[in-house]
């Protein structure tokens, strides 16, 4: 199997029961789904509940030298355990809803015109409904 043509990744492979996660640390092709179970080599394990971990540092460094890229969370774990040197990476992205909520209180004046516009639109919508009702009465009678 020629591994040079595949994009390799070092990441977690979830194991364990419901609400009792434990992870294998594996080298896997980037395109494979996370739960496929088909990995190239197991490099250790991590249990987040007990904080127990076992890492094969020499094999991790070998695969990184061959071009395998650790996932963001895996990179942070390797930096924390001093297997690789570097700065931790932001593993989680900020949701857009939170960004919009934080921007809204900064500009309270911007909210006021929007409320006025919505009040002006409401009577316009009610008038056609009344006309339709009158039209229906004429048709029925």
C-alpha atoms as a PDB file:
ATOM      1  CA  UNK A   1       0.000   0.000   0.000  1.00  0.00           C
ATOM      2  CA  UNK A   2       1.538   3.278  -1.132  1.00  0.00           C
ATOM      3  CA  UNK A   3       0.797   5.811   1.619  1.00  0.00           C
ATOM      4  CA  UNK A   4       2.466   8.762  -0.102  1.00  0.00           C
ATOM      5  CA  UNK A   5      -0.484   9.396  -2.408  1.00  0.00           C
ATOM      6  CA  UNK A   6      -3.003   9.651   0.487  1.00  0.00           C
ATOM      7  CA  UNK A   7      -3.549  12.633   2.742  1.00  0.00           C
ATOM      8  CA  UNK A   8      -2.973  11.237   6.220  1.00  0.00           C
ATOM      9  CA  UNK A   9      -4.407  12.538   9.450  1.00  0.00           C
ATOM     10  CA  UNK A  10      -3.724  11.815  13.117  1.00  0.00           C
ATOM     11  CA  UNK A  11      -7.020  12.013  14.961  1.00  0.00           C
ATOM     12  CA  UNK A  12      -9.298  10.472  17.560  1.00  0.00           C
ATOM     13  CA  UNK A  13     -11.438   7.414  16.859  1.00  0.00           C
ATOM     14  CA  UNK A  14     -14.313   7.263  19.353  1.00  0.00           C
ATOM     15  CA  UNK A  15     -14.864   4.078  21.316  1.00  0.00           C
ATOM     16  CA  UNK A  16     -16.898   3.242  24.395  1.00  0.00           C
ATOM     17  CA  UNK A  17     -20.489   3.244  25.566  1.00  0.00           C
ATOM     18  CA  UNK A  18     -23.041   6.014  25.467  1.00  0.00           C
ATOM     19  CA  UNK A  19     -21.900   8.882  27.742  1.00  0.00           C
ATOM     20  CA  UNK A  20     -18.640   7.021  28.431  1.00  0.00           C
ATOM     21  CA  UNK A  21     -16.324   8.070  25.612  1.00  0.00           C
ATOM     22  CA  UNK A  22     -12.809   6.867  25.148  1.00  0.00           C
ATOM     23  CA  UNK A  23     -10.700   7.503  22.073  1.00  0.00           C
ATOM     24  CA  UNK A  24      -8.060   5.638  20.113  1.00  0.00           C
ATOM     25  CA  UNK A  25      -5.409   7.889  18.605  1.00  0.00           C
ATOM     26  CA  UNK A  26      -4.933   6.666  15.047  1.00  0.00           C
ATOM     27  CA  UNK A  27      -3.317   7.467  11.709  1.00  0.00           C
ATOM     28  CA  UNK A  28      -6.063   7.381   9.097  1.00  0.00           C
ATOM     29  CA  UNK A  29      -6.736   8.632   5.594  1.00  0.00           C
ATOM     30  CA  UNK A  30      -8.238  12.107   5.694  1.00  0.00           C
ATOM     31  CA  UNK A  31     -11.147  11.098   3.435  1.00  0.00           C
ATOM     32  CA  UNK A  32     -12.307   8.203   5.609  1.00  0.00           C
ATOM     33  CA  UNK A  33     -15.244   8.827   7.940  1.00  0.00           C
ATOM     34  CA  UNK A  34     -14.311   9.174  11.622  1.00  0.00           C
ATOM     35  CA  UNK A  35     -16.228   6.078  12.734  1.00  0.00           C
ATOM     36  CA  UNK A  36     -15.174   3.755   9.898  1.00  0.00           C
ATOM     37  CA  UNK A  37     -12.725   1.836  12.084  1.00  0.00           C
ATOM     38  CA  UNK A  38     -10.286   1.346   9.189  1.00  0.00           C
ATOM     39  CA  UNK A  39      -7.065   2.988  10.286  1.00  0.00           C
ATOM     40  CA  UNK A  40      -3.422   2.496   9.385  1.00  0.00           C
ATOM     41  CA  UNK A  41      -1.866   2.409  12.858  1.00  0.00           C
ATOM     42  CA  UNK A  42      -2.965   2.963  16.446  1.00  0.00           C
ATOM     43  CA  UNK A  43      -0.715   5.485  18.220  1.00  0.00           C
ATOM     44  CA  UNK A  44      -2.282   5.436  21.675  1.00  0.00           C
ATOM     45  CA  UNK A  45      -5.512   6.150  23.517  1.00  0.00           C
ATOM     46  CA  UNK A  46      -7.171   8.926  25.545  1.00  0.00           C
ATOM     47  CA  UNK A  47      -9.946   8.714  28.125  1.00  0.00           C
ATOM     48  CA  UNK A  48     -11.378  12.195  28.824  1.00  0.00           C
ATOM     49  CA  UNK A  49     -13.335  11.060  31.897  1.00  0.00           C
ATOM     50  CA  UNK A  50     -10.310   9.777  33.817  1.00  0.00           C
ATOM     51  CA  UNK A  51      -7.768  11.949  31.925  1.00  0.00           C
ATOM     52  CA  UNK A  52      -5.802   8.755  31.308  1.00  0.00           C
ATOM     53  CA  UNK A  53      -3.706   8.776  28.153  1.00  0.00           C
ATOM     54  CA  UNK A  54      -1.034   6.729  26.486  1.00  0.00           C
ATOM     55  CA  UNK A  55       0.873   8.171  23.529  1.00  0.00           C
ATOM     56  CA  UNK A  56       3.589   6.580  21.427  1.00  0.00           C
ATOM     57  CA  UNK A  57       5.722   9.706  20.935  1.00  0.00           C
ATOM     58  CA  UNK A  58       8.272   8.102  18.603  1.00  0.00           C
ATOM     59  CA  UNK A  59       5.564   6.763  16.244  1.00  0.00           C
ATOM     60  CA  UNK A  60       3.661  10.082  16.311  1.00  0.00           C
ATOM     61  CA  UNK A  61       6.818  11.948  15.318  1.00  0.00           C
ATOM     62  CA  UNK A  62       7.477   9.361  12.599  1.00  0.00           C
ATOM     63  CA  UNK A  63       4.039   9.853  11.010  1.00  0.00           C
ATOM     64  CA  UNK A  64       4.284  13.631  11.258  1.00  0.00           C
ATOM     65  CA  UNK A  65       7.635  13.415   9.438  1.00  0.00           C
ATOM     66  CA  UNK A  66       5.884  11.370   6.713  1.00  0.00           C
ATOM     67  CA  UNK A  67       3.334  14.191   6.238  1.00  0.00           C
ATOM     68  CA  UNK A  68       0.457  13.197   8.505  1.00  0.00           C
ATOM     69  CA  UNK A  69      -1.410  16.256   9.846  1.00  0.00           C
ATOM     70  CA  UNK A  70      -2.849  16.112  13.387  1.00  0.00           C
ATOM     71  CA  UNK A  71      -6.391  17.384  13.856  1.00  0.00           C
ATOM     72  CA  UNK A  72      -6.765  20.618  15.864  1.00  0.00           C
ATOM     73  CA  UNK A  73      -7.732  18.817  19.083  1.00  0.00           C
ATOM     74  CA  UNK A  74      -5.007  16.228  18.581  1.00  0.00           C
ATOM     75  CA  UNK A  75      -2.457  19.015  17.939  1.00  0.00           C
ATOM     76  CA  UNK A  76      -3.424  20.660  21.244  1.00  0.00           C
ATOM     77  CA  UNK A  77      -3.063  17.348  23.107  1.00  0.00           C
ATOM     78  CA  UNK A  78       0.400  16.784  21.587  1.00  0.00           C
ATOM     79  CA  UNK A  79       1.522  20.318  22.491  1.00  0.00           C
ATOM     80  CA  UNK A  80       0.210  19.903  26.054  1.00  0.00           C
ATOM     81  CA  UNK A  81       2.182  16.655  26.455  1.00  0.00           C
ATOM     82  CA  UNK A  82       5.285  18.207  24.842  1.00  0.00           C
ATOM     83  CA  UNK A  83       5.483  15.648  22.040  1.00  0.00           C
ATOM     84  CA  UNK A  84       5.561  18.443  19.470  1.00  0.00           C
ATOM     85  CA  UNK A  85       6.457  22.096  19.918  1.00  0.00           C
ATOM     86  CA  UNK A  86       4.160  24.905  18.948  1.00  0.00           C
ATOM     87  CA  UNK A  87       1.207  27.002  19.970  1.00  0.00           C
ATOM     88  CA  UNK A  88      -2.230  25.585  20.666  1.00  0.00           C
ATOM     89  CA  UNK A  89      -4.819  26.003  17.922  1.00  0.00           C
ATOM     90  CA  UNK A  90      -8.405  27.185  18.382  1.00  0.00           C
ATOM     91  CA  UNK A  91     -10.244  23.892  17.984  1.00  0.00           C
ATOM     92  CA  UNK A  92     -13.800  25.243  18.136  1.00  0.00           C
ATOM     93  CA  UNK A  93     -15.301  27.908  15.925  1.00  0.00           C
ATOM     94  CA  UNK A  94     -17.568  30.675  17.183  1.00  0.00           C
ATOM     95  CA  UNK A  95     -21.163  30.321  16.070  1.00  0.00           C
ATOM     96  CA  UNK A  96     -22.669  33.130  13.997  1.00  0.00           C
ATOM     97  CA  UNK A  97     -25.627  33.577  16.359  1.00  0.00           C
ATOM     98  CA  UNK A  98     -23.319  34.543  19.197  1.00  0.00           C
ATOM     99  CA  UNK A  99     -21.512  37.046  16.967  1.00  0.00           C
ATOM    100  CA  UNK A 100     -24.807  38.701  15.976  1.00  0.00           C
ATOM    101  CA  UNK A 101     -25.956  38.880  19.610  1.00  0.00           C
ATOM    102  CA  UNK A 102     -22.719  40.538  20.683  1.00  0.00           C
ATOM    103  CA  UNK A 103     -22.964  43.115  17.890  1.00  0.00           C
ATOM    104  CA  UNK A 104     -26.614  43.995  18.611  1.00  0.00           C
ATOM    105  CA  UNK A 105     -26.122  45.558  22.098  1.00  0.00           C
ATOM    106  CA  UNK A 106     -23.274  47.711  20.816  1.00  0.00           C
ATOM    107  CA  UNK A 107     -25.622  49.609  18.509  1.00  0.00           C
ATOM    108  CA  UNK A 108     -28.976  50.158  20.262  1.00  0.00           C
ATOM    109  CA  UNK A 109     -29.788  53.080  17.929  1.00  0.00           C
ATOM    110  CA  UNK A 110     -29.741  50.712  14.980  1.00  0.00           C
ATOM    111  CA  UNK A 111     -32.593  48.692  16.521  1.00  0.00           C
ATOM    112  CA  UNK A 112     -34.976  51.639  16.830  1.00  0.00           C
ATOM    113  CA  UNK A 113     -35.439  52.323  13.081  1.00  0.00           C
ATOM    114  CA  UNK A 114     -36.040  48.627  12.429  1.00  0.00           C
ATOM    115  CA  UNK A 115     -38.854  48.605  14.988  1.00  0.00           C
ATOM    116  CA  UNK A 116     -40.438  51.689  13.431  1.00  0.00           C
ATOM    117  CA  UNK A 117     -40.296  50.107   9.957  1.00  0.00           C
ATOM    118  CA  UNK A 118     -42.006  46.967  11.200  1.00  0.00           C
ATOM    119  CA  UNK A 119     -44.801  49.044  12.814  1.00  0.00           C
ATOM    120  CA  UNK A 120     -45.392  50.840   9.526  1.00  0.00           C
ATOM    121  CA  UNK A 121     -45.591  47.591   7.579  1.00  0.00           C
ATOM    122  CA  UNK A 122     -48.162  45.955   9.878  1.00  0.00           C
ATOM    123  CA  UNK A 123     -51.141  48.263   9.028  1.00  0.00           C
ATOM    124  CA  UNK A 124     -50.446  47.857   5.321  1.00  0.00           C
ATOM    125  CA  UNK A 125     -50.741  44.104   5.658  1.00  0.00           C
ATOM    126  CA  UNK A 126     -53.991  44.331   7.626  1.00  0.00           C
ATOM    127  CA  UNK A 127     -55.797  46.520   5.051  1.00  0.00           C
ATOM    128  CA  UNK A 128     -55.742  43.957   2.191  1.00  0.00           C
ATOM    129  CA  UNK A 129     -57.104  41.302   4.554  1.00  0.00           C
ATOM    130  CA  UNK A 130     -60.115  43.487   5.363  1.00  0.00           C
ATOM    131  CA  UNK A 131     -60.778  44.067   1.672  1.00  0.00           C
ATOM    132  CA  UNK A 132     -60.645  40.337   0.990  1.00  0.00           C
ATOM    133  CA  UNK A 133     -63.168  39.708   3.729  1.00  0.00           C
ATOM    134  CA  UNK A 134     -65.532  42.297   2.235  1.00  0.00           C
ATOM    135  CA  UNK A 135     -65.103  40.726  -1.186  1.00  0.00           C
ATOM    136  CA  UNK A 136     -65.943  37.304   0.189  1.00  0.00           C
ATOM    137  CA  UNK A 137     -69.130  38.625   1.809  1.00  0.00           C
ATOM    138  CA  UNK A 138     -70.304  40.012  -1.497  1.00  0.00           C
ATOM    139  CA  UNK A 139     -69.613  36.742  -3.301  1.00  0.00           C
ATOM    140  CA  UNK A 140     -71.470  34.661  -0.737  1.00  0.00           C
ATOM    141  CA  UNK A 141     -74.548  36.921  -0.512  1.00  0.00           C
END
